């Protein structure tokens, strides 16, 4: 099989994108997905995304982690899929599409900024000895660090320890390490260990969303400016008295990097 693909990235969080409106991609072939995401033997990406037709929505986004298996919601992946749909002519500038956690609204501005509406986060965030734990389409642990410690942190080692500890081992969690801004108006610094990738990624959309909501407990107000190793993102939201959040929007760039064709016949199961 010759696979046509596109490579997109959103603040360094990169994805292999496949126009699968004809539904020819075998989503059960985890070996193929792992190969395509392999940075040494394949194309290289944090995940793979299929864009498929859907009867009730503009399209459906099907997301796979780099480990080859279907994943939960991916915020930067969602923004890249909106940009991909626009490139394919599936949408113009606004859309409503289906993802793993339900429907999402999206919009592409003239400057290329992509806005993605996230699912509401209902109820109090879970605060415990590990940090703040909440679900923004994917589960996230948020750990606030002392000033001037984030840059030197070994995110792989520290993140893996939390991801596989007794509290989170069964379902796993993403782990975000956060440094508060030194002065008001400066961005919150974020580094993330992602499950499924099992390493630090340059950015995580559901992760910075979780950080922004958790940071509201520490005085952050909407919109929150966040800086990841891969670039800057913004999260806007309405905070409710009961601790829930609605009207959550993740905003930032989503860029087409390259496209190509790859012979993958020998990579089948």
C-alpha atoms as a PDB file:
ATOM      1  CA  UNK A   1       0.000   0.000   0.000  1.00  0.00           C
ATOM      2  CA  UNK A   2       1.229   3.473  -0.842  1.00  0.00           C
ATOM      3  CA  UNK A   3       0.180   5.885   1.873  1.00  0.00           C
ATOM      4  CA  UNK A   4      -0.274   9.581   1.150  1.00  0.00           C
ATOM      5  CA  UNK A   5       0.320  11.650   4.272  1.00  0.00           C
ATOM      6  CA  UNK A   6       0.808  15.165   5.574  1.00  0.00           C
ATOM      7  CA  UNK A   7       2.949  16.297   8.476  1.00  0.00           C
ATOM      8  CA  UNK A   8       1.569  19.027  10.757  1.00  0.00           C
ATOM      9  CA  UNK A   9       2.841  20.560  13.972  1.00  0.00           C
ATOM     10  CA  UNK A  10       1.281  22.759  16.639  1.00  0.00           C
ATOM     11  CA  UNK A  11       3.906  24.407  18.870  1.00  0.00           C
ATOM     12  CA  UNK A  12       6.226  21.483  18.265  1.00  0.00           C
ATOM     13  CA  UNK A  13       3.618  18.789  18.952  1.00  0.00           C
ATOM     14  CA  UNK A  14       3.774  16.954  15.605  1.00  0.00           C
ATOM     15  CA  UNK A  15       1.431  14.578  13.823  1.00  0.00           C
ATOM     16  CA  UNK A  16       1.191  12.383  10.752  1.00  0.00           C
ATOM     17  CA  UNK A  17      -2.124  13.365   9.135  1.00  0.00           C
ATOM     18  CA  UNK A  18      -4.003  11.042   6.779  1.00  0.00           C
ATOM     19  CA  UNK A  19      -7.023  11.933   4.658  1.00  0.00           C
ATOM     20  CA  UNK A  20      -9.004   8.759   5.348  1.00  0.00           C
ATOM     21  CA  UNK A  21     -12.390   9.824   4.029  1.00  0.00           C
ATOM     22  CA  UNK A  22     -12.350   6.636   1.940  1.00  0.00           C
ATOM     23  CA  UNK A  23     -11.724   4.595   5.132  1.00  0.00           C
ATOM     24  CA  UNK A  24      -8.865   2.537   3.758  1.00  0.00           C
ATOM     25  CA  UNK A  25      -6.557   2.855   6.783  1.00  0.00           C
ATOM     26  CA  UNK A  26      -6.669  -0.177   9.088  1.00  0.00           C
ATOM     27  CA  UNK A  27      -7.030   1.346  12.547  1.00  0.00           C
ATOM     28  CA  UNK A  28      -6.338  -2.024  14.188  1.00  0.00           C
ATOM     29  CA  UNK A  29      -2.810  -2.129  12.741  1.00  0.00           C
ATOM     30  CA  UNK A  30      -0.831  -0.799  15.699  1.00  0.00           C
ATOM     31  CA  UNK A  31       2.422  -1.969  14.068  1.00  0.00           C
ATOM     32  CA  UNK A  32       1.856   0.367  11.134  1.00  0.00           C
ATOM     33  CA  UNK A  33       1.002   3.324  13.358  1.00  0.00           C
ATOM     34  CA  UNK A  34       4.145   2.771  15.454  1.00  0.00           C
ATOM     35  CA  UNK A  35       6.248   2.566  12.297  1.00  0.00           C
ATOM     36  CA  UNK A  36       4.832   5.794  10.865  1.00  0.00           C
ATOM     37  CA  UNK A  37       5.446   7.639  14.144  1.00  0.00           C
ATOM     38  CA  UNK A  38       8.978   6.251  14.585  1.00  0.00           C
ATOM     39  CA  UNK A  39      11.472   9.113  14.245  1.00  0.00           C
ATOM     40  CA  UNK A  40      14.297   6.878  13.019  1.00  0.00           C
ATOM     41  CA  UNK A  41      12.568   4.306  10.818  1.00  0.00           C
ATOM     42  CA  UNK A  42       9.349   6.034   9.762  1.00  0.00           C
ATOM     43  CA  UNK A  43       8.052   9.570   9.264  1.00  0.00           C
ATOM     44  CA  UNK A  44       8.316  10.592  12.913  1.00  0.00           C
ATOM     45  CA  UNK A  45       5.581  12.125  15.059  1.00  0.00           C
ATOM     46  CA  UNK A  46       4.010  12.295  18.505  1.00  0.00           C
ATOM     47  CA  UNK A  47       0.871  10.740  17.054  1.00  0.00           C
ATOM     48  CA  UNK A  48      -1.120   9.869  13.948  1.00  0.00           C
ATOM     49  CA  UNK A  49      -4.500  11.368  13.012  1.00  0.00           C
ATOM     50  CA  UNK A  50      -7.084  10.142  10.527  1.00  0.00           C
ATOM     51  CA  UNK A  51      -9.599  12.620   9.098  1.00  0.00           C
ATOM     52  CA  UNK A  52     -12.797  10.738   8.280  1.00  0.00           C
ATOM     53  CA  UNK A  53     -16.250  11.623   7.020  1.00  0.00           C
ATOM     54  CA  UNK A  54     -19.112  11.728   9.501  1.00  0.00           C
ATOM     55  CA  UNK A  55     -22.831  11.990   8.808  1.00  0.00           C
ATOM     56  CA  UNK A  56     -23.599  14.447  11.626  1.00  0.00           C
ATOM     57  CA  UNK A  57     -20.422  16.538  11.670  1.00  0.00           C
ATOM     58  CA  UNK A  58     -18.028  18.184   9.226  1.00  0.00           C
ATOM     59  CA  UNK A  59     -15.575  15.357   9.875  1.00  0.00           C
ATOM     60  CA  UNK A  60     -14.310  12.938  12.515  1.00  0.00           C
ATOM     61  CA  UNK A  61     -10.836  13.048  14.040  1.00  0.00           C
ATOM     62  CA  UNK A  62      -9.390   9.638  14.970  1.00  0.00           C
ATOM     63  CA  UNK A  63      -6.223   9.989  17.046  1.00  0.00           C
ATOM     64  CA  UNK A  64      -3.518   7.404  17.746  1.00  0.00           C
ATOM     65  CA  UNK A  65      -0.677   7.770  20.212  1.00  0.00           C
ATOM     66  CA  UNK A  66       2.844   7.044  18.997  1.00  0.00           C
ATOM     67  CA  UNK A  67       2.622   3.674  20.767  1.00  0.00           C
ATOM     68  CA  UNK A  68       0.208   2.562  18.029  1.00  0.00           C
ATOM     69  CA  UNK A  69      -3.053   2.608  19.951  1.00  0.00           C
ATOM     70  CA  UNK A  70      -6.131   4.806  19.894  1.00  0.00           C
ATOM     71  CA  UNK A  71      -5.735   7.720  22.284  1.00  0.00           C
ATOM     72  CA  UNK A  72      -7.991  10.098  24.151  1.00  0.00           C
ATOM     73  CA  UNK A  73      -8.435  13.731  23.108  1.00  0.00           C
ATOM     74  CA  UNK A  74      -5.397  15.598  21.801  1.00  0.00           C
ATOM     75  CA  UNK A  75      -5.724  19.387  21.882  1.00  0.00           C
ATOM     76  CA  UNK A  76      -2.877  20.327  19.559  1.00  0.00           C
ATOM     77  CA  UNK A  77      -3.854  17.412  17.344  1.00  0.00           C
ATOM     78  CA  UNK A  78      -7.381  18.794  17.203  1.00  0.00           C
ATOM     79  CA  UNK A  79      -6.086  22.211  16.166  1.00  0.00           C
ATOM     80  CA  UNK A  80      -3.885  20.620  13.492  1.00  0.00           C
ATOM     81  CA  UNK A  81      -6.847  18.590  12.221  1.00  0.00           C
ATOM     82  CA  UNK A  82      -8.925  21.754  11.865  1.00  0.00           C
ATOM     83  CA  UNK A  83      -6.110  23.316   9.809  1.00  0.00           C
ATOM     84  CA  UNK A  84      -5.822  20.081   7.781  1.00  0.00           C
ATOM     85  CA  UNK A  85      -9.560  20.056   7.079  1.00  0.00           C
ATOM     86  CA  UNK A  86      -9.308  23.619   5.817  1.00  0.00           C
ATOM     87  CA  UNK A  87      -6.392  22.674   3.566  1.00  0.00           C
ATOM     88  CA  UNK A  88      -8.416  19.764   2.113  1.00  0.00           C
ATOM     89  CA  UNK A  89     -11.404  22.028   1.485  1.00  0.00           C
ATOM     90  CA  UNK A  90     -13.588  20.077   3.903  1.00  0.00           C
ATOM     91  CA  UNK A  91     -14.302  23.322   5.800  1.00  0.00           C
ATOM     92  CA  UNK A  92     -13.813  27.028   5.230  1.00  0.00           C
ATOM     93  CA  UNK A  93     -12.931  28.834   8.462  1.00  0.00           C
ATOM     94  CA  UNK A  94     -15.310  27.352  11.060  1.00  0.00           C
ATOM     95  CA  UNK A  95     -16.205  23.792  11.916  1.00  0.00           C
ATOM     96  CA  UNK A  96     -17.895  21.378  14.269  1.00  0.00           C
ATOM     97  CA  UNK A  97     -16.308  17.930  14.324  1.00  0.00           C
ATOM     98  CA  UNK A  98     -16.263  14.743  16.366  1.00  0.00           C
ATOM     99  CA  UNK A  99     -13.293  13.520  18.435  1.00  0.00           C
ATOM    100  CA  UNK A 100     -12.728  10.814  21.042  1.00  0.00           C
ATOM    101  CA  UNK A 101     -14.319  12.850  23.846  1.00  0.00           C
ATOM    102  CA  UNK A 102     -17.249  14.218  21.840  1.00  0.00           C
ATOM    103  CA  UNK A 103     -17.966  17.186  19.541  1.00  0.00           C
ATOM    104  CA  UNK A 104     -15.688  20.218  19.272  1.00  0.00           C
ATOM    105  CA  UNK A 105     -15.982  23.605  17.607  1.00  0.00           C
ATOM    106  CA  UNK A 106     -13.019  25.097  15.779  1.00  0.00           C
ATOM    107  CA  UNK A 107     -12.057  28.226  13.892  1.00  0.00           C
ATOM    108  CA  UNK A 108      -9.102  29.291  11.741  1.00  0.00           C
ATOM    109  CA  UNK A 109      -8.157  32.975  11.734  1.00  0.00           C
ATOM    110  CA  UNK A 110      -6.621  34.764   8.770  1.00  0.00           C
ATOM    111  CA  UNK A 111      -3.205  34.738  10.474  1.00  0.00           C
ATOM    112  CA  UNK A 112      -3.313  30.945  10.867  1.00  0.00           C
ATOM    113  CA  UNK A 113      -4.224  30.865  14.545  1.00  0.00           C
ATOM    114  CA  UNK A 114      -6.511  27.921  15.267  1.00  0.00           C
ATOM    115  CA  UNK A 115      -9.028  28.101  18.098  1.00  0.00           C
ATOM    116  CA  UNK A 116     -10.409  24.848  19.492  1.00  0.00           C
ATOM    117  CA  UNK A 117     -13.268  24.619  21.940  1.00  0.00           C
ATOM    118  CA  UNK A 118     -12.552  22.007  24.586  1.00  0.00           C
ATOM    119  CA  UNK A 119     -15.083  20.026  26.601  1.00  0.00           C
ATOM    120  CA  UNK A 120     -16.386  21.602  29.807  1.00  0.00           C
ATOM    121  CA  UNK A 121     -14.604  20.520  32.977  1.00  0.00           C
ATOM    122  CA  UNK A 122     -17.312  19.916  35.534  1.00  0.00           C
ATOM    123  CA  UNK A 123     -16.901  19.781  39.295  1.00  0.00           C
ATOM    124  CA  UNK A 124     -14.005  20.444  41.599  1.00  0.00           C
ATOM    125  CA  UNK A 125     -10.515  19.564  40.491  1.00  0.00           C
ATOM    126  CA  UNK A 126      -8.987  16.729  42.458  1.00  0.00           C
ATOM    127  CA  UNK A 127      -6.244  18.150  44.679  1.00  0.00           C
ATOM    128  CA  UNK A 128      -4.015  15.693  46.499  1.00  0.00           C
ATOM    129  CA  UNK A 129      -0.440  15.151  47.573  1.00  0.00           C
ATOM    130  CA  UNK A 130       0.698  14.673  43.979  1.00  0.00           C
ATOM    131  CA  UNK A 131      -0.663  17.986  42.709  1.00  0.00           C
ATOM    132  CA  UNK A 132      -3.854  18.909  40.850  1.00  0.00           C
ATOM    133  CA  UNK A 133      -5.467  16.130  38.818  1.00  0.00           C
ATOM    134  CA  UNK A 134      -8.155  16.873  36.238  1.00  0.00           C
ATOM    135  CA  UNK A 135      -9.479  15.625  32.915  1.00  0.00           C
ATOM    136  CA  UNK A 136      -9.487  17.991  29.927  1.00  0.00           C
ATOM    137  CA  UNK A 137     -10.294  15.291  27.390  1.00  0.00           C
ATOM    138  CA  UNK A 138      -7.226  13.410  28.618  1.00  0.00           C
ATOM    139  CA  UNK A 139      -6.144  12.900  32.248  1.00  0.00           C
ATOM    140  CA  UNK A 140      -3.542  15.339  33.539  1.00  0.00           C
ATOM    141  CA  UNK A 141      -1.541  15.750  36.710  1.00  0.00           C
ATOM    142  CA  UNK A 142      -0.367  19.336  37.246  1.00  0.00           C
ATOM    143  CA  UNK A 143       2.610  19.941  39.526  1.00  0.00           C
ATOM    144  CA  UNK A 144       3.649  23.486  40.417  1.00  0.00           C
ATOM    145  CA  UNK A 145       7.399  23.870  40.972  1.00  0.00           C
ATOM    146  CA  UNK A 146       9.530  26.412  42.851  1.00  0.00           C
ATOM    147  CA  UNK A 147      10.904  29.313  40.820  1.00  0.00           C
ATOM    148  CA  UNK A 148      13.879  28.661  38.528  1.00  0.00           C
ATOM    149  CA  UNK A 149      13.695  24.863  38.736  1.00  0.00           C
ATOM    150  CA  UNK A 150      11.752  23.894  35.586  1.00  0.00           C
ATOM    151  CA  UNK A 151      14.573  24.376  33.085  1.00  0.00           C
ATOM    152  CA  UNK A 152      16.846  21.849  34.802  1.00  0.00           C
ATOM    153  CA  UNK A 153      14.141  19.290  35.594  1.00  0.00           C
ATOM    154  CA  UNK A 154      14.497  15.808  34.103  1.00  0.00           C
ATOM    155  CA  UNK A 155      10.939  15.600  32.773  1.00  0.00           C
ATOM    156  CA  UNK A 156      11.382  12.076  31.421  1.00  0.00           C
ATOM    157  CA  UNK A 157      12.501  10.634  34.761  1.00  0.00           C
ATOM    158  CA  UNK A 158      10.157  12.664  36.979  1.00  0.00           C
ATOM    159  CA  UNK A 159       7.168  12.348  34.667  1.00  0.00           C
ATOM    160  CA  UNK A 160       7.591   8.612  34.235  1.00  0.00           C
ATOM    161  CA  UNK A 161       7.748   8.148  38.008  1.00  0.00           C
ATOM    162  CA  UNK A 162       4.313   9.761  38.449  1.00  0.00           C
ATOM    163  CA  UNK A 163       2.810   8.202  35.331  1.00  0.00           C
ATOM    164  CA  UNK A 164       3.609   4.700  36.586  1.00  0.00           C
ATOM    165  CA  UNK A 165       3.224   5.127  40.343  1.00  0.00           C
ATOM    166  CA  UNK A 166       0.590   3.224  42.303  1.00  0.00           C
ATOM    167  CA  UNK A 167      -1.976   6.050  42.102  1.00  0.00           C
ATOM    168  CA  UNK A 168      -1.960   6.390  38.309  1.00  0.00           C
ATOM    169  CA  UNK A 169      -0.520   3.121  36.977  1.00  0.00           C
ATOM    170  CA  UNK A 170      -3.805   1.454  35.983  1.00  0.00           C
ATOM    171  CA  UNK A 171      -5.019   4.089  33.511  1.00  0.00           C
ATOM    172  CA  UNK A 172      -1.968   6.277  33.305  1.00  0.00           C
ATOM    173  CA  UNK A 173      -1.780  10.032  33.308  1.00  0.00           C
ATOM    174  CA  UNK A 174       0.013  12.843  31.538  1.00  0.00           C
ATOM    175  CA  UNK A 175       2.218  14.894  33.859  1.00  0.00           C
ATOM    176  CA  UNK A 176       2.693  18.663  33.576  1.00  0.00           C
ATOM    177  CA  UNK A 177       5.419  20.547  35.426  1.00  0.00           C
ATOM    178  CA  UNK A 178       4.698  24.252  35.817  1.00  0.00           C
ATOM    179  CA  UNK A 179       6.560  27.377  36.854  1.00  0.00           C
ATOM    180  CA  UNK A 180       4.525  30.462  37.751  1.00  0.00           C
ATOM    181  CA  UNK A 181       5.386  33.768  36.049  1.00  0.00           C
ATOM    182  CA  UNK A 182       7.879  35.903  37.938  1.00  0.00           C
ATOM    183  CA  UNK A 183       5.874  39.026  37.173  1.00  0.00           C
ATOM    184  CA  UNK A 184       2.194  39.512  36.256  1.00  0.00           C
ATOM    185  CA  UNK A 185       1.506  39.325  32.541  1.00  0.00           C
ATOM    186  CA  UNK A 186       4.345  36.916  31.802  1.00  0.00           C
ATOM    187  CA  UNK A 187       3.532  33.392  30.556  1.00  0.00           C
ATOM    188  CA  UNK A 188       3.235  30.306  32.731  1.00  0.00           C
ATOM    189  CA  UNK A 189       6.085  27.946  31.807  1.00  0.00           C
ATOM    190  CA  UNK A 190       5.023  24.344  31.113  1.00  0.00           C
ATOM    191  CA  UNK A 191       6.810  21.086  30.311  1.00  0.00           C
ATOM    192  CA  UNK A 192       4.850  17.861  29.794  1.00  0.00           C
ATOM    193  CA  UNK A 193       5.446  14.114  29.942  1.00  0.00           C
ATOM    194  CA  UNK A 194       2.876  12.449  27.690  1.00  0.00           C
ATOM    195  CA  UNK A 195       1.543   8.937  28.115  1.00  0.00           C
ATOM    196  CA  UNK A 196       1.375   7.056  24.826  1.00  0.00           C
ATOM    197  CA  UNK A 197       4.482   8.902  23.681  1.00  0.00           C
ATOM    198  CA  UNK A 198       6.162   7.944  26.982  1.00  0.00           C
ATOM    199  CA  UNK A 199       8.491  10.913  26.879  1.00  0.00           C
ATOM    200  CA  UNK A 200       8.517  14.685  27.078  1.00  0.00           C
ATOM    201  CA  UNK A 201       6.870  16.406  24.122  1.00  0.00           C
ATOM    202  CA  UNK A 202       7.521  19.975  23.030  1.00  0.00           C
ATOM    203  CA  UNK A 203       3.910  20.885  23.775  1.00  0.00           C
ATOM    204  CA  UNK A 204       0.600  19.336  24.853  1.00  0.00           C
ATOM    205  CA  UNK A 205      -2.725  21.040  24.178  1.00  0.00           C
ATOM    206  CA  UNK A 206      -4.867  19.232  26.734  1.00  0.00           C
ATOM    207  CA  UNK A 207      -1.936  19.675  29.121  1.00  0.00           C
ATOM    208  CA  UNK A 208      -1.706  23.456  28.899  1.00  0.00           C
ATOM    209  CA  UNK A 209      -5.504  23.544  29.170  1.00  0.00           C
ATOM    210  CA  UNK A 210      -5.255  21.600  32.440  1.00  0.00           C
ATOM    211  CA  UNK A 211      -2.485  23.913  33.635  1.00  0.00           C
ATOM    212  CA  UNK A 212      -4.515  27.040  32.864  1.00  0.00           C
ATOM    213  CA  UNK A 213      -7.530  25.748  34.789  1.00  0.00           C
ATOM    214  CA  UNK A 214      -5.372  24.621  37.706  1.00  0.00           C
ATOM    215  CA  UNK A 215      -3.555  27.973  37.669  1.00  0.00           C
ATOM    216  CA  UNK A 216      -6.883  29.756  38.163  1.00  0.00           C
ATOM    217  CA  UNK A 217      -6.709  28.459  41.739  1.00  0.00           C
ATOM    218  CA  UNK A 218      -3.498  30.471  42.032  1.00  0.00           C
ATOM    219  CA  UNK A 219      -4.851  33.734  40.709  1.00  0.00           C
ATOM    220  CA  UNK A 220      -4.560  33.284  36.950  1.00  0.00           C
ATOM    221  CA  UNK A 221      -7.384  34.900  35.005  1.00  0.00           C
ATOM    222  CA  UNK A 222      -8.690  34.135  31.534  1.00  0.00           C
ATOM    223  CA  UNK A 223      -7.131  34.192  29.010  1.00  0.00           C
ATOM    224  CA  UNK A 224      -4.012  32.492  30.355  1.00  0.00           C
ATOM    225  CA  UNK A 225      -0.783  32.773  28.353  1.00  0.00           C
ATOM    226  CA  UNK A 226       1.367  29.629  28.509  1.00  0.00           C
ATOM    227  CA  UNK A 227       4.822  28.911  27.125  1.00  0.00           C
ATOM    228  CA  UNK A 228       5.980  25.399  26.227  1.00  0.00           C
ATOM    229  CA  UNK A 229       9.368  24.378  24.778  1.00  0.00           C
ATOM    230  CA  UNK A 230       7.652  24.342  21.371  1.00  0.00           C
ATOM    231  CA  UNK A 231       5.961  27.735  21.563  1.00  0.00           C
ATOM    232  CA  UNK A 232       3.171  29.803  23.070  1.00  0.00           C
ATOM    233  CA  UNK A 233      -0.490  28.900  23.543  1.00  0.00           C
ATOM    234  CA  UNK A 234      -3.475  30.673  25.058  1.00  0.00           C
ATOM    235  CA  UNK A 235      -6.372  29.217  27.032  1.00  0.00           C
ATOM    236  CA  UNK A 236      -9.582  31.154  27.649  1.00  0.00           C
ATOM    237  CA  UNK A 237     -12.393  29.936  29.904  1.00  0.00           C
ATOM    238  CA  UNK A 238     -15.323  30.868  32.109  1.00  0.00           C
ATOM    239  CA  UNK A 239     -14.802  29.823  35.739  1.00  0.00           C
ATOM    240  CA  UNK A 240     -17.964  28.923  37.662  1.00  0.00           C
ATOM    241  CA  UNK A 241     -18.548  29.298  41.431  1.00  0.00           C
ATOM    242  CA  UNK A 242     -18.844  25.518  41.839  1.00  0.00           C
ATOM    243  CA  UNK A 243     -15.304  25.030  40.545  1.00  0.00           C
ATOM    244  CA  UNK A 244     -16.285  23.932  37.048  1.00  0.00           C
ATOM    245  CA  UNK A 245     -15.146  25.541  33.780  1.00  0.00           C
ATOM    246  CA  UNK A 246     -17.078  26.188  30.586  1.00  0.00           C
ATOM    247  CA  UNK A 247     -16.477  27.900  27.250  1.00  0.00           C
ATOM    248  CA  UNK A 248     -12.861  26.663  27.225  1.00  0.00           C
ATOM    249  CA  UNK A 249     -10.819  27.596  24.140  1.00  0.00           C
ATOM    250  CA  UNK A 250      -7.287  26.480  23.290  1.00  0.00           C
ATOM    251  CA  UNK A 251      -5.633  28.804  20.755  1.00  0.00           C
ATOM    252  CA  UNK A 252      -2.332  28.810  18.900  1.00  0.00           C
ATOM    253  CA  UNK A 253      -0.606  28.076  15.585  1.00  0.00           C
ATOM    254  CA  UNK A 254      -0.984  24.880  13.561  1.00  0.00           C
ATOM    255  CA  UNK A 255       1.400  24.525  10.642  1.00  0.00           C
ATOM    256  CA  UNK A 256       1.725  22.214   7.665  1.00  0.00           C
ATOM    257  CA  UNK A 257       5.349  21.028   7.521  1.00  0.00           C
ATOM    258  CA  UNK A 258       5.496  18.722   4.492  1.00  0.00           C
ATOM    259  CA  UNK A 259       3.627  15.967   2.670  1.00  0.00           C
ATOM    260  CA  UNK A 260       4.624  12.812   0.859  1.00  0.00           C
ATOM    261  CA  UNK A 261       3.954   9.214  -0.091  1.00  0.00           C
ATOM    262  CA  UNK A 262       5.341   6.133   1.610  1.00  0.00           C
ATOM    263  CA  UNK A 263       5.286   2.475   0.615  1.00  0.00           C
ATOM    264  CA  UNK A 264       4.036   0.565   3.658  1.00  0.00           C
ATOM    265  CA  UNK A 265       3.043  -2.818   2.246  1.00  0.00           C
ATOM    266  CA  UNK A 266       5.738  -4.592   4.289  1.00  0.00           C
ATOM    267  CA  UNK A 267       4.525  -2.919   7.473  1.00  0.00           C
ATOM    268  CA  UNK A 268       1.196  -4.693   7.677  1.00  0.00           C
ATOM    269  CA  UNK A 269       0.359  -7.082  10.515  1.00  0.00           C
END
